[in-house]
Amino acid sequence: MERVEELRPAAGPNRVGAVQRFTWKSALPYRLTFDMTVTRVEPLSLIESTAAGELQGTGLWTLAQEGPAVQVRYDWNVRTTPPWMNTLAPVARPLFRWNHDVVMGWGFQGLKSLLRR
């Protein structure tokens, strides 16, 4: 991730209604920018949000206690909106998939680093 900007503070409890703009840098020479709106929070178990912009769809974090550990799952159901990307997708899919895997690896490393602090 390259940058996060707060566009609107939370309108309700648990940050519901908050909007942040994310700009993701990729391994390929492009960036994706999208706004995430927090739509639902169940403390210590669920965070749901919607994406709008160059990615559109939903994200859902679920957390579950498993003994002394916590299982964290993120379901990210989005589609791209840039016309150039959607036009190239049928032939560039392997390259886009590789790029996605690289970006997710960066995110994984970032989360590990954050959790170690």
PDB file of N, CA and C in Angstrom:
ATOM      1  N   MET A   1       0.860  -1.160   0.000  1.00  0.00           N
ATOM      2  CA  MET A   1       0.000   0.000   0.000  1.00  0.00           C
ATOM      3  C   MET A   1       0.909   1.227   0.000  1.00  0.00           C
ATOM      4  N   GLU A   2       0.500   2.208  -0.712  1.00  0.00           N
ATOM      5  CA  GLU A   2       1.306   3.412  -0.807  1.00  0.00           C
ATOM      6  C   GLU A   2       0.817   4.514   0.119  1.00  0.00           C
ATOM      7  N   ARG A   3      -0.520   4.685   0.183  1.00  0.00           N
ATOM      8  CA  ARG A   3      -1.042   5.822   0.949  1.00  0.00           C
ATOM      9  C   ARG A   3      -2.482   5.539   1.388  1.00  0.00           C
ATOM     10  N   VAL A   4      -2.819   6.065   2.582  1.00  0.00           N
ATOM     11  CA  VAL A   4      -4.188   6.028   3.101  1.00  0.00           C
ATOM     12  C   VAL A   4      -4.529   7.436   3.548  1.00  0.00           C
ATOM     13  N   GLU A   5      -5.665   7.939   3.076  1.00  0.00           N
ATOM     14  CA  GLU A   5      -6.129   9.277   3.465  1.00  0.00           C
ATOM     15  C   GLU A   5      -7.502   9.155   4.112  1.00  0.00           C
ATOM     16  N   GLU A   6      -7.693   9.860   5.219  1.00  0.00           N
ATOM     17  CA  GLU A   6      -9.005   9.906   5.873  1.00  0.00           C
ATOM     18  C   GLU A   6      -9.855  10.927   5.125  1.00  0.00           C
ATOM     19  N   LEU A   7     -10.954  10.474   4.512  1.00  0.00           N
ATOM     20  CA  LEU A   7     -11.847  11.385   3.783  1.00  0.00           C
ATOM     21  C   LEU A   7     -13.008  11.863   4.635  1.00  0.00           C
ATOM     22  N   ARG A   8     -13.507  10.958   5.485  1.00  0.00           N
ATOM     23  CA  ARG A   8     -14.637  11.319   6.345  1.00  0.00           C
ATOM     24  C   ARG A   8     -14.523  10.522   7.644  1.00  0.00           C
ATOM     25  N   PRO A   9     -14.590  11.215   8.775  1.00  0.00           N
ATOM     26  CA  PRO A   9     -14.539  10.480  10.044  1.00  0.00           C
ATOM     27  C   PRO A   9     -15.810   9.652  10.235  1.00  0.00           C
ATOM     28  N   ALA A  10     -15.758   8.768  11.176  1.00  0.00           N
ATOM     29  CA  ALA A  10     -16.899   7.897  11.463  1.00  0.00           C
ATOM     30  C   ALA A  10     -18.131   8.708  11.819  1.00  0.00           C
ATOM     31  N   ALA A  11     -19.264   8.287  11.282  1.00  0.00           N
ATOM     32  CA  ALA A  11     -20.540   8.931  11.593  1.00  0.00           C
ATOM     33  C   ALA A  11     -21.256   8.206  12.720  1.00  0.00           C
ATOM     34  N   GLY A  12     -20.863   6.974  12.978  1.00  0.00           N
ATOM     35  CA  GLY A  12     -21.535   6.175  13.996  1.00  0.00           C
ATOM     36  C   GLY A  12     -20.531   5.490  14.889  1.00  0.00           C
ATOM     37  N   PRO A  13     -21.032   4.626  15.756  1.00  0.00           N
ATOM     38  CA  PRO A  13     -20.127   3.922  16.667  1.00  0.00           C
ATOM     39  C   PRO A  13     -19.221   2.953  15.909  1.00  0.00           C
ATOM     40  N   ASN A  14     -18.079   2.640  16.493  1.00  0.00           N
ATOM     41  CA  ASN A  14     -17.148   1.647  15.947  1.00  0.00           C
ATOM     42  C   ASN A  14     -16.649   1.975  14.541  1.00  0.00           C
ATOM     43  N   ARG A  15     -16.573   3.261  14.221  1.00  0.00           N
ATOM     44  CA  ARG A  15     -16.067   3.765  12.932  1.00  0.00           C
ATOM     45  C   ARG A  15     -17.015   3.522  11.747  1.00  0.00           C
ATOM     46  N   VAL A  16     -18.249   3.084  11.997  1.00  0.00           N
ATOM     47  CA  VAL A  16     -19.213   2.917  10.908  1.00  0.00           C
ATOM     48  C   VAL A  16     -19.435   4.277  10.246  1.00  0.00           C
ATOM     49  N   GLY A  17     -19.360   4.296   8.929  1.00  0.00           N
ATOM     50  CA  GLY A  17     -19.527   5.527   8.166  1.00  0.00           C
ATOM     51  C   GLY A  17     -18.218   6.188   7.791  1.00  0.00           C
ATOM     52  N   ALA A  18     -17.106   5.774   8.409  1.00  0.00           N
ATOM     53  CA  ALA A  18     -15.802   6.346   8.071  1.00  0.00           C
ATOM     54  C   ALA A  18     -15.437   5.983   6.637  1.00  0.00           C
ATOM     55  N   VAL A  19     -14.783   6.925   5.949  1.00  0.00           N
ATOM     56  CA  VAL A  19     -14.334   6.691   4.577  1.00  0.00           C
ATOM     57  C   VAL A  19     -12.847   7.010   4.492  1.00  0.00           C
ATOM     58  N   GLN A  20     -12.102   6.068   3.948  1.00  0.00           N
ATOM     59  CA  GLN A  20     -10.676   6.269   3.715  1.00  0.00           C
ATOM     60  C   GLN A  20     -10.373   6.001   2.252  1.00  0.00           C
ATOM     61  N   ARG A  21      -9.441   6.774   1.705  1.00  0.00           N
ATOM     62  CA  ARG A  21      -8.979   6.564   0.321  1.00  0.00           C
ATOM     63  C   ARG A  21      -7.652   5.820   0.371  1.00  0.00           C
ATOM     64  N   PHE A  22      -7.616   4.686  -0.323  1.00  0.00           N
ATOM     65  CA  PHE A  22      -6.418   3.861  -0.399  1.00  0.00           C
ATOM     66  C   PHE A  22      -5.807   3.990  -1.787  1.00  0.00           C
ATOM     67  N   THR A  23      -4.499   4.107  -1.830  1.00  0.00           N
ATOM     68  CA  THR A  23      -3.774   4.037  -3.093  1.00  0.00           C
ATOM     69  C   THR A  23      -2.776   2.904  -2.960  1.00  0.00           C
ATOM     70  N   TRP A  24      -2.932   1.906  -3.814  1.00  0.00           N
ATOM     71  CA  TRP A  24      -2.050   0.747  -3.795  1.00  0.00           C
ATOM     72  C   TRP A  24      -1.079   0.826  -4.949  1.00  0.00           C
ATOM     73  N   LYS A  25       0.175   0.682  -4.643  1.00  0.00           N
ATOM     74  CA  LYS A  25       1.222   0.587  -5.641  1.00  0.00           C
ATOM     75  C   LYS A  25       1.333  -0.879  -6.025  1.00  0.00           C
ATOM     76  N   SER A  26       1.612  -1.138  -7.288  1.00  0.00           N
ATOM     77  CA  SER A  26       1.763  -2.520  -7.712  1.00  0.00           C
ATOM     78  C   SER A  26       3.192  -2.772  -8.174  1.00  0.00           C
ATOM     79  N   ALA A  27       3.507  -4.027  -8.434  1.00  0.00           N
ATOM     80  CA  ALA A  27       4.810  -4.386  -8.981  1.00  0.00           C
ATOM     81  C   ALA A  27       4.914  -3.929 -10.438  1.00  0.00           C
ATOM     82  N   LEU A  28       3.777  -3.809 -11.096  1.00  0.00           N
ATOM     83  CA  LEU A  28       3.732  -3.287 -12.460  1.00  0.00           C
ATOM     84  C   LEU A  28       3.603  -1.765 -12.388  1.00  0.00           C
ATOM     85  N   PRO A  29       3.843  -1.057 -13.481  1.00  0.00           N
ATOM     86  CA  PRO A  29       3.834   0.414 -13.417  1.00  0.00           C
ATOM     87  C   PRO A  29       2.436   1.044 -13.417  1.00  0.00           C
ATOM     88  N   TYR A  30       1.650   0.722 -12.407  1.00  0.00           N
ATOM     89  CA  TYR A  30       0.358   1.394 -12.216  1.00  0.00           C
ATOM     90  C   TYR A  30      -0.012   1.361 -10.746  1.00  0.00           C
ATOM     91  N   ARG A  31      -0.971   2.196 -10.388  1.00  0.00           N
ATOM     92  CA  ARG A  31      -1.520   2.255  -9.037  1.00  0.00           C
ATOM     93  C   ARG A  31      -3.041   2.131  -9.136  1.00  0.00           C
ATOM     94  N   LEU A  32      -3.653   1.660  -8.070  1.00  0.00           N
ATOM     95  CA  LEU A  32      -5.111   1.617  -7.972  1.00  0.00           C
ATOM     96  C   LEU A  32      -5.526   2.469  -6.778  1.00  0.00           C
ATOM     97  N   THR A  33      -6.532   3.315  -6.989  1.00  0.00           N
ATOM     98  CA  THR A  33      -7.060   4.153  -5.919  1.00  0.00           C
ATOM     99  C   THR A  33      -8.543   3.852  -5.750  1.00  0.00           C
ATOM    100  N   PHE A  34      -8.948   3.691  -4.495  1.00  0.00           N
ATOM    101  CA  PHE A  34     -10.351   3.402  -4.213  1.00  0.00           C
ATOM    102  C   PHE A  34     -10.686   3.888  -2.812  1.00  0.00           C
ATOM    103  N   ASP A  35     -11.955   4.155  -2.576  1.00  0.00           N
ATOM    104  CA  ASP A  35     -12.447   4.608  -1.274  1.00  0.00           C
ATOM    105  C   ASP A  35     -13.136   3.453  -0.572  1.00  0.00           C
ATOM    106  N   MET A  36     -12.820   3.284   0.723  1.00  0.00           N
ATOM    107  CA  MET A  36     -13.445   2.249   1.533  1.00  0.00           C
ATOM    108  C   MET A  36     -14.330   2.907   2.580  1.00  0.00           C
ATOM    109  N   THR A  37     -15.591   2.486   2.617  1.00  0.00           N
ATOM    110  CA  THR A  37     -16.552   2.974   3.606  1.00  0.00           C
ATOM    111  C   THR A  37     -16.876   1.842   4.570  1.00  0.00           C
ATOM    112  N   VAL A  38     -16.678   2.068   5.851  1.00  0.00           N
ATOM    113  CA  VAL A  38     -17.006   1.066   6.876  1.00  0.00           C
ATOM    114  C   VAL A  38     -18.531   1.004   6.982  1.00  0.00           C
ATOM    115  N   THR A  39     -19.103  -0.182   6.756  1.00  0.00           N
ATOM    116  CA  THR A  39     -20.557  -0.321   6.749  1.00  0.00           C
ATOM    117  C   THR A  39     -21.117  -1.063   7.964  1.00  0.00           C
ATOM    118  N   ARG A  40     -20.275  -1.907   8.576  1.00  0.00           N
ATOM    119  CA  ARG A  40     -20.768  -2.668   9.730  1.00  0.00           C
ATOM    120  C   ARG A  40     -19.590  -3.114  10.570  1.00  0.00           C
ATOM    121  N   VAL A  41     -19.758  -3.050  11.874  1.00  0.00           N
ATOM    122  CA  VAL A  41     -18.739  -3.531  12.806  1.00  0.00           C
ATOM    123  C   VAL A  41     -19.431  -4.274  13.938  1.00  0.00           C
ATOM    124  N   GLU A  42     -18.970  -5.472  14.196  1.00  0.00           N
ATOM    125  CA  GLU A  42     -19.363  -6.214  15.383  1.00  0.00           C
ATOM    126  C   GLU A  42     -18.070  -6.384  16.175  1.00  0.00           C
ATOM    127  N   PRO A  43     -17.892  -5.603  17.242  1.00  0.00           N
ATOM    128  CA  PRO A  43     -16.609  -5.580  17.944  1.00  0.00           C
ATOM    129  C   PRO A  43     -16.039  -6.975  18.222  1.00  0.00           C
ATOM    130  N   LEU A  44     -14.757  -7.088  17.939  1.00  0.00           N
ATOM    131  CA  LEU A  44     -13.964  -8.299  18.150  1.00  0.00           C
ATOM    132  C   LEU A  44     -14.376  -9.478  17.282  1.00  0.00           C
ATOM    133  N   SER A  45     -15.251  -9.259  16.269  1.00  0.00           N
ATOM    134  CA  SER A  45     -15.619 -10.400  15.430  1.00  0.00           C
ATOM    135  C   SER A  45     -15.781 -10.068  13.950  1.00  0.00           C
ATOM    136  N   LEU A  46     -16.117  -8.827  13.575  1.00  0.00           N
ATOM    137  CA  LEU A  46     -16.426  -8.567  12.171  1.00  0.00           C
ATOM    138  C   LEU A  46     -16.240  -7.097  11.822  1.00  0.00           C
ATOM    139  N   ILE A  47     -15.664  -6.851  10.654  1.00  0.00           N
ATOM    140  CA  ILE A  47     -15.599  -5.499  10.075  1.00  0.00           C
ATOM    141  C   ILE A  47     -15.944  -5.647   8.600  1.00  0.00           C
ATOM    142  N   GLU A  48     -16.963  -4.908   8.157  1.00  0.00           N
ATOM    143  CA  GLU A  48     -17.400  -4.970   6.763  1.00  0.00           C
ATOM    144  C   GLU A  48     -17.285  -3.585   6.139  1.00  0.00           C
ATOM    145  N   SER A  49     -16.893  -3.553   4.866  1.00  0.00           N
ATOM    146  CA  SER A  49     -16.768  -2.265   4.182  1.00  0.00           C
ATOM    147  C   SER A  49     -17.059  -2.429   2.699  1.00  0.00           C
ATOM    148  N   THR A  50     -17.326  -1.290   2.044  1.00  0.00           N
ATOM    149  CA  THR A  50     -17.540  -1.286   0.606  1.00  0.00           C
ATOM    150  C   THR A  50     -16.448  -0.460  -0.063  1.00  0.00           C
ATOM    151  N   ALA A  51     -16.061  -0.904  -1.252  1.00  0.00           N
ATOM    152  CA  ALA A  51     -15.041  -0.213  -2.039  1.00  0.00           C
ATOM    153  C   ALA A  51     -15.705   0.453  -3.232  1.00  0.00           C
ATOM    154  N   ALA A  52     -15.240   1.666  -3.546  1.00  0.00           N
ATOM    155  CA  ALA A  52     -15.721   2.395  -4.719  1.00  0.00           C
ATOM    156  C   ALA A  52     -14.525   3.101  -5.356  1.00  0.00           C
ATOM    157  N   GLY A  53     -14.482   3.112  -6.654  1.00  0.00           N
ATOM    158  CA  GLY A  53     -13.370   3.738  -7.368  1.00  0.00           C
ATOM    159  C   GLY A  53     -12.808   2.755  -8.377  1.00  0.00           C
ATOM    160  N   GLU A  54     -11.484   2.635  -8.428  1.00  0.00           N
ATOM    161  CA  GLU A  54     -10.861   1.724  -9.391  1.00  0.00           C
ATOM    162  C   GLU A  54     -11.011   0.258  -8.977  1.00  0.00           C
ATOM    163  N   LEU A  55     -11.447   0.025  -7.756  1.00  0.00           N
ATOM    164  CA  LEU A  55     -11.925  -1.273  -7.296  1.00  0.00           C
ATOM    165  C   LEU A  55     -13.313  -1.043  -6.731  1.00  0.00           C
ATOM    166  N   GLN A  56     -14.235  -1.926  -7.050  1.00  0.00           N
ATOM    167  CA  GLN A  56     -15.597  -1.823  -6.510  1.00  0.00           C
ATOM    168  C   GLN A  56     -16.018  -3.170  -5.960  1.00  0.00           C
ATOM    169  N   GLY A  57     -16.639  -3.148  -4.784  1.00  0.00           N
ATOM    170  CA  GLY A  57     -17.118  -4.379  -4.185  1.00  0.00           C
ATOM    171  C   GLY A  57     -17.134  -4.285  -2.682  1.00  0.00           C
ATOM    172  N   THR A  58     -16.900  -5.426  -2.024  1.00  0.00           N
ATOM    173  CA  THR A  58     -16.969  -5.478  -0.568  1.00  0.00           C
ATOM    174  C   THR A  58     -15.769  -6.193   0.025  1.00  0.00           C
ATOM    175  N   GLY A  59     -15.484  -5.850   1.274  1.00  0.00           N
ATOM    176  CA  GLY A  59     -14.463  -6.521   2.057  1.00  0.00           C
ATOM    177  C   GLY A  59     -15.052  -6.912   3.394  1.00  0.00           C
ATOM    178  N   LEU A  60     -14.675  -8.070   3.896  1.00  0.00           N
ATOM    179  CA  LEU A  60     -15.209  -8.550   5.162  1.00  0.00           C
ATOM    180  C   LEU A  60     -14.094  -9.217   5.968  1.00  0.00           C
ATOM    181  N   TRP A  61     -13.744  -8.593   7.097  1.00  0.00           N
ATOM    182  CA  TRP A  61     -12.797  -9.181   8.046  1.00  0.00           C
ATOM    183  C   TRP A  61     -13.619  -9.947   9.075  1.00  0.00           C
ATOM    184  N   THR A  62     -13.260 -11.198   9.329  1.00  0.00           N
ATOM    185  CA  THR A  62     -13.879 -11.940  10.427  1.00  0.00           C
ATOM    186  C   THR A  62     -12.760 -12.431  11.346  1.00  0.00           C
ATOM    187  N   LEU A  63     -13.023 -12.344  12.629  1.00  0.00           N
ATOM    188  CA  LEU A  63     -12.062 -12.753  13.646  1.00  0.00           C
ATOM    189  C   LEU A  63     -12.736 -13.775  14.554  1.00  0.00           C
ATOM    190  N   ALA A  64     -12.016 -14.850  14.855  1.00  0.00           N
ATOM    191  CA  ALA A  64     -12.583 -15.895  15.702  1.00  0.00           C
ATOM    192  C   ALA A  64     -11.516 -16.398  16.666  1.00  0.00           C
ATOM    193  N   GLN A  65     -11.864 -16.480  17.931  1.00  0.00           N
ATOM    194  CA  GLN A  65     -10.953 -17.005  18.948  1.00  0.00           C
ATOM    195  C   GLN A  65     -10.822 -18.500  18.769  1.00  0.00           C
ATOM    196  N   GLU A  66      -9.589 -18.985  18.703  1.00  0.00           N
ATOM    197  CA  GLU A  66      -9.321 -20.423  18.630  1.00  0.00           C
ATOM    198  C   GLU A  66      -8.279 -20.744  19.688  1.00  0.00           C
ATOM    199  N   GLY A  67      -8.745 -21.059  20.894  1.00  0.00           N
ATOM    200  CA  GLY A  67      -7.826 -21.277  22.006  1.00  0.00           C
ATOM    201  C   GLY A  67      -7.099 -19.983  22.310  1.00  0.00           C
ATOM    202  N   PRO A  68      -5.764 -20.034  22.404  1.00  0.00           N
ATOM    203  CA  PRO A  68      -5.007 -18.815  22.717  1.00  0.00           C
ATOM    204  C   PRO A  68      -4.773 -17.929  21.495  1.00  0.00           C
ATOM    205  N   ALA A  69      -5.141 -18.402  20.313  1.00  0.00           N
ATOM    206  CA  ALA A  69      -4.890 -17.656  19.077  1.00  0.00           C
ATOM    207  C   ALA A  69      -6.193 -17.080  18.521  1.00  0.00           C
ATOM    208  N   VAL A  70      -6.047 -16.161  17.589  1.00  0.00           N
ATOM    209  CA  VAL A  70      -7.194 -15.585  16.883  1.00  0.00           C
ATOM    210  C   VAL A  70      -7.030 -15.865  15.400  1.00  0.00           C
ATOM    211  N   GLN A  71      -8.063 -16.450  14.812  1.00  0.00           N
ATOM    212  CA  GLN A  71      -8.059 -16.681  13.367  1.00  0.00           C
ATOM    213  C   GLN A  71      -8.614 -15.427  12.710  1.00  0.00           C
ATOM    214  N   VAL A  72      -7.893 -14.912  11.717  1.00  0.00           N
ATOM    215  CA  VAL A  72      -8.319 -13.724  10.993  1.00  0.00           C
ATOM    216  C   VAL A  72      -8.513 -14.118   9.532  1.00  0.00           C
ATOM    217  N   ARG A  73      -9.665 -13.762   8.985  1.00  0.00           N
ATOM    218  CA  ARG A  73      -9.962 -14.062   7.578  1.00  0.00           C
ATOM    219  C   ARG A  73     -10.431 -12.783   6.909  1.00  0.00           C
ATOM    220  N   TYR A  74      -9.977 -12.576   5.681  1.00  0.00           N
ATOM    221  CA  TYR A  74     -10.429 -11.417   4.911  1.00  0.00           C
ATOM    222  C   TYR A  74     -10.984 -11.897   3.592  1.00  0.00           C
ATOM    223  N   ASP A  75     -12.268 -11.648   3.360  1.00  0.00           N
ATOM    224  CA  ASP A  75     -12.913 -11.957   2.088  1.00  0.00           C
ATOM    225  C   ASP A  75     -13.039 -10.659   1.314  1.00  0.00           C
ATOM    226  N   TRP A  76     -12.450 -10.615   0.152  1.00  0.00           N
ATOM    227  CA  TRP A  76     -12.335  -9.402  -0.653  1.00  0.00           C
ATOM    228  C   TRP A  76     -12.964  -9.714  -1.997  1.00  0.00           C
ATOM    229  N   ASN A  77     -14.170  -9.233  -2.205  1.00  0.00           N
ATOM    230  CA  ASN A  77     -14.916  -9.505  -3.430  1.00  0.00           C
ATOM    231  C   ASN A  77     -15.062  -8.207  -4.212  1.00  0.00           C
ATOM    232  N   VAL A  78     -14.099  -7.952  -5.087  1.00  0.00           N
ATOM    233  CA  VAL A  78     -14.065  -6.703  -5.836  1.00  0.00           C
ATOM    234  C   VAL A  78     -13.827  -6.988  -7.313  1.00  0.00           C
ATOM    235  N   ARG A  79     -14.097  -5.964  -8.093  1.00  0.00           N
ATOM    236  CA  ARG A  79     -13.776  -6.010  -9.523  1.00  0.00           C
ATOM    237  C   ARG A  79     -13.078  -4.706  -9.870  1.00  0.00           C
ATOM    238  N   THR A  80     -12.273  -4.767 -10.905  1.00  0.00           N
ATOM    239  CA  THR A  80     -11.577  -3.569 -11.362  1.00  0.00           C
ATOM    240  C   THR A  80     -12.498  -2.756 -12.254  1.00  0.00           C
ATOM    241  N   THR A  81     -12.282  -1.431 -12.290  1.00  0.00           N
ATOM    242  CA  THR A  81     -13.099  -0.573 -13.144  1.00  0.00           C
ATOM    243  C   THR A  81     -12.327   0.162 -14.240  1.00  0.00           C
ATOM    244  N   PRO A  82     -10.989   0.307 -14.165  1.00  0.00           N
ATOM    245  CA  PRO A  82     -10.311   1.018 -15.246  1.00  0.00           C
ATOM    246  C   PRO A  82     -10.510   0.306 -16.592  1.00  0.00           C
ATOM    247  N   PRO A  83     -11.025   1.019 -17.599  1.00  0.00           N
ATOM    248  CA  PRO A  83     -11.275   0.374 -18.892  1.00  0.00           C
ATOM    249  C   PRO A  83     -10.034  -0.295 -19.489  1.00  0.00           C
ATOM    250  N   TRP A  84      -8.877   0.333 -19.377  1.00  0.00           N
ATOM    251  CA  TRP A  84      -7.667  -0.260 -19.952  1.00  0.00           C
ATOM    252  C   TRP A  84      -7.365  -1.617 -19.320  1.00  0.00           C
ATOM    253  N   MET A  85      -7.582  -1.717 -18.015  1.00  0.00           N
ATOM    254  CA  MET A  85      -7.283  -2.953 -17.302  1.00  0.00           C
ATOM    255  C   MET A  85      -8.275  -4.053 -17.686  1.00  0.00           C
ATOM    256  N   ASN A  86      -9.545  -3.702 -17.755  1.00  0.00           N
ATOM    257  CA  ASN A  86     -10.564  -4.687 -18.105  1.00  0.00           C
ATOM    258  C   ASN A  86     -10.436  -5.131 -19.558  1.00  0.00           C
ATOM    259  N   THR A  87      -9.978  -4.240 -20.437  1.00  0.00           N
ATOM    260  CA  THR A  87      -9.760  -4.601 -21.843  1.00  0.00           C
ATOM    261  C   THR A  87      -8.596  -5.573 -21.974  1.00  0.00           C
ATOM    262  N   LEU A  88      -7.523  -5.328 -21.220  1.00  0.00           N
ATOM    263  CA  LEU A  88      -6.340  -6.183 -21.287  1.00  0.00           C
ATOM    264  C   LEU A  88      -6.474  -7.491 -20.512  1.00  0.00           C
ATOM    265  N   ALA A  89      -7.408  -7.553 -19.577  1.00  0.00           N
ATOM    266  CA  ALA A  89      -7.511  -8.692 -18.670  1.00  0.00           C
ATOM    267  C   ALA A  89      -7.525 -10.056 -19.370  1.00  0.00           C
ATOM    268  N   PRO A  90      -8.256 -10.245 -20.455  1.00  0.00           N
ATOM    269  CA  PRO A  90      -8.272 -11.588 -21.056  1.00  0.00           C
ATOM    270  C   PRO A  90      -6.889 -12.088 -21.492  1.00  0.00           C
ATOM    271  N   VAL A  91      -6.034 -11.204 -21.977  1.00  0.00           N
ATOM    272  CA  VAL A  91      -4.714 -11.642 -22.437  1.00  0.00           C
ATOM    273  C   VAL A  91      -3.630 -11.446 -21.376  1.00  0.00           C
ATOM    274  N   ALA A  92      -3.832 -10.498 -20.463  1.00  0.00           N
ATOM    275  CA  ALA A  92      -2.812 -10.190 -19.455  1.00  0.00           C
ATOM    276  C   ALA A  92      -3.100 -10.854 -18.105  1.00  0.00           C
ATOM    277  N   ARG A  93      -4.086 -11.724 -18.056  1.00  0.00           N
ATOM    278  CA  ARG A  93      -4.475 -12.341 -16.783  1.00  0.00           C
ATOM    279  C   ARG A  93      -3.296 -12.964 -16.026  1.00  0.00           C
ATOM    280  N   PRO A  94      -2.411 -13.735 -16.675  1.00  0.00           N
ATOM    281  CA  PRO A  94      -1.280 -14.300 -15.916  1.00  0.00           C
ATOM    282  C   PRO A  94      -0.386 -13.210 -15.302  1.00  0.00           C
ATOM    283  N   LEU A  95      -0.164 -12.131 -16.021  1.00  0.00           N
ATOM    284  CA  LEU A  95       0.648 -11.032 -15.512  1.00  0.00           C
ATOM    285  C   LEU A  95      -0.062 -10.330 -14.354  1.00  0.00           C
ATOM    286  N   PHE A  96      -1.369 -10.091 -14.502  1.00  0.00           N
ATOM    287  CA  PHE A  96      -2.141  -9.468 -13.423  1.00  0.00           C
ATOM    288  C   PHE A  96      -2.169 -10.375 -12.185  1.00  0.00           C
ATOM    289  N   ARG A  97      -2.285 -11.684 -12.402  1.00  0.00           N
ATOM    290  CA  ARG A  97      -2.298 -12.630 -11.269  1.00  0.00           C
ATOM    291  C   ARG A  97      -0.948 -12.596 -10.538  1.00  0.00           C
ATOM    292  N   TRP A  98       0.156 -12.599 -11.297  1.00  0.00           N
ATOM    293  CA  TRP A  98       1.487 -12.493 -10.695  1.00  0.00           C
ATOM    294  C   TRP A  98       1.592 -11.196  -9.886  1.00  0.00           C
ATOM    295  N   ASN A  99       1.145 -10.078 -10.474  1.00  0.00           N
ATOM    296  CA  ASN A  99       1.192  -8.786  -9.806  1.00  0.00           C
ATOM    297  C   ASN A  99       0.381  -8.818  -8.505  1.00  0.00           C
ATOM    298  N   HIS A 100      -0.798  -9.396  -8.565  1.00  0.00           N
ATOM    299  CA  HIS A 100      -1.653  -9.519  -7.383  1.00  0.00           C
ATOM    300  C   HIS A 100      -0.932 -10.295  -6.286  1.00  0.00           C
ATOM    301  N   ASP A 101      -0.317 -11.413  -6.649  1.00  0.00           N
ATOM    302  CA  ASP A 101       0.394 -12.224  -5.669  1.00  0.00           C
ATOM    303  C   ASP A 101       1.549 -11.447  -5.029  1.00  0.00           C
ATOM    304  N   VAL A 102       2.267 -10.659  -5.823  1.00  0.00           N
ATOM    305  CA  VAL A 102       3.362  -9.841  -5.285  1.00  0.00           C
ATOM    306  C   VAL A 102       2.811  -8.822  -4.287  1.00  0.00           C
ATOM    307  N   VAL A 103       1.745  -8.111  -4.671  1.00  0.00           N
ATOM    308  CA  VAL A 103       1.171  -7.087  -3.794  1.00  0.00           C
ATOM    309  C   VAL A 103       0.641  -7.716  -2.502  1.00  0.00           C
ATOM    310  N   MET A 104      -0.010  -8.874  -2.599  1.00  0.00           N
ATOM    311  CA  MET A 104      -0.507  -9.553  -1.399  1.00  0.00           C
ATOM    312  C   MET A 104       0.654 -10.003  -0.515  1.00  0.00           C
ATOM    313  N   GLY A 105       1.756 -10.427  -1.117  1.00  0.00           N
ATOM    314  CA  GLY A 105       2.945 -10.783  -0.345  1.00  0.00           C
ATOM    315  C   GLY A 105       3.487  -9.588   0.422  1.00  0.00           C
ATOM    316  N   TRP A 106       3.516  -8.422  -0.221  1.00  0.00           N
ATOM    317  CA  TRP A 106       3.933  -7.197   0.471  1.00  0.00           C
ATOM    318  C   TRP A 106       3.018  -6.921   1.663  1.00  0.00           C
ATOM    319  N   GLY A 107       1.718  -7.072   1.442  1.00  0.00           N
ATOM    320  CA  GLY A 107       0.753  -6.848   2.523  1.00  0.00           C
ATOM    321  C   GLY A 107       0.950  -7.824   3.672  1.00  0.00           C
ATOM    322  N   PHE A 108       1.197  -9.078   3.344  1.00  0.00           N
ATOM    323  CA  PHE A 108       1.430 -10.093   4.368  1.00  0.00           C
ATOM    324  C   PHE A 108       2.658  -9.737   5.198  1.00  0.00           C
ATOM    325  N   GLN A 109       3.731  -9.365   4.530  1.00  0.00           N
ATOM    326  CA  GLN A 109       4.956  -8.972   5.241  1.00  0.00           C
ATOM    327  C   GLN A 109       4.705  -7.746   6.130  1.00  0.00           C
ATOM    328  N   GLY A 110       3.941  -6.783   5.612  1.00  0.00           N
ATOM    329  CA  GLY A 110       3.614  -5.599   6.399  1.00  0.00           C
ATOM    330  C   GLY A 110       2.818  -5.923   7.647  1.00  0.00           C
ATOM    331  N   LEU A 111       1.823  -6.819   7.501  1.00  0.00           N
ATOM    332  CA  LEU A 111       1.028  -7.236   8.670  1.00  0.00           C
ATOM    333  C   LEU A 111       1.893  -7.965   9.688  1.00  0.00           C
ATOM    334  N   LYS A 112       2.756  -8.860   9.218  1.00  0.00           N
ATOM    335  CA  LYS A 112       3.641  -9.571  10.144  1.00  0.00           C
ATOM    336  C   LYS A 112       4.516  -8.594  10.918  1.00  0.00           C
ATOM    337  N   SER A 113       5.046  -7.619  10.223  1.00  0.00           N
ATOM    338  CA  SER A 113       5.896  -6.620  10.861  1.00  0.00           C
ATOM    339  C   SER A 113       5.110  -5.818  11.903  1.00  0.00           C
ATOM    340  N   LEU A 114       3.896  -5.413  11.531  1.00  0.00           N
ATOM    341  CA  LEU A 114       3.043  -4.657  12.449  1.00  0.00           C
ATOM    342  C   LEU A 114       2.699  -5.473  13.699  1.00  0.00           C
ATOM    343  N   LEU A 115       2.376  -6.740  13.505  1.00  0.00           N
ATOM    344  CA  LEU A 115       1.983  -7.582  14.640  1.00  0.00           C
ATOM    345  C   LEU A 115       3.156  -7.895  15.565  1.00  0.00           C
ATOM    346  N   ARG A 116       4.367  -7.838  15.054  1.00  0.00           N
ATOM    347  CA  ARG A 116       5.546  -8.078  15.889  1.00  0.00           C
ATOM    348  C   ARG A 116       5.814  -6.920  16.839  1.00  0.00           C
ATOM    349  N   ARG A 117       5.329  -5.721  16.499  1.00  0.00           N
ATOM    350  CA  ARG A 117       5.598  -4.536  17.326  1.00  0.00           C
ATOM    351  C   ARG A 117       4.875  -4.584  18.628  1.00  0.00           C
TER     352      ARG A 117
END
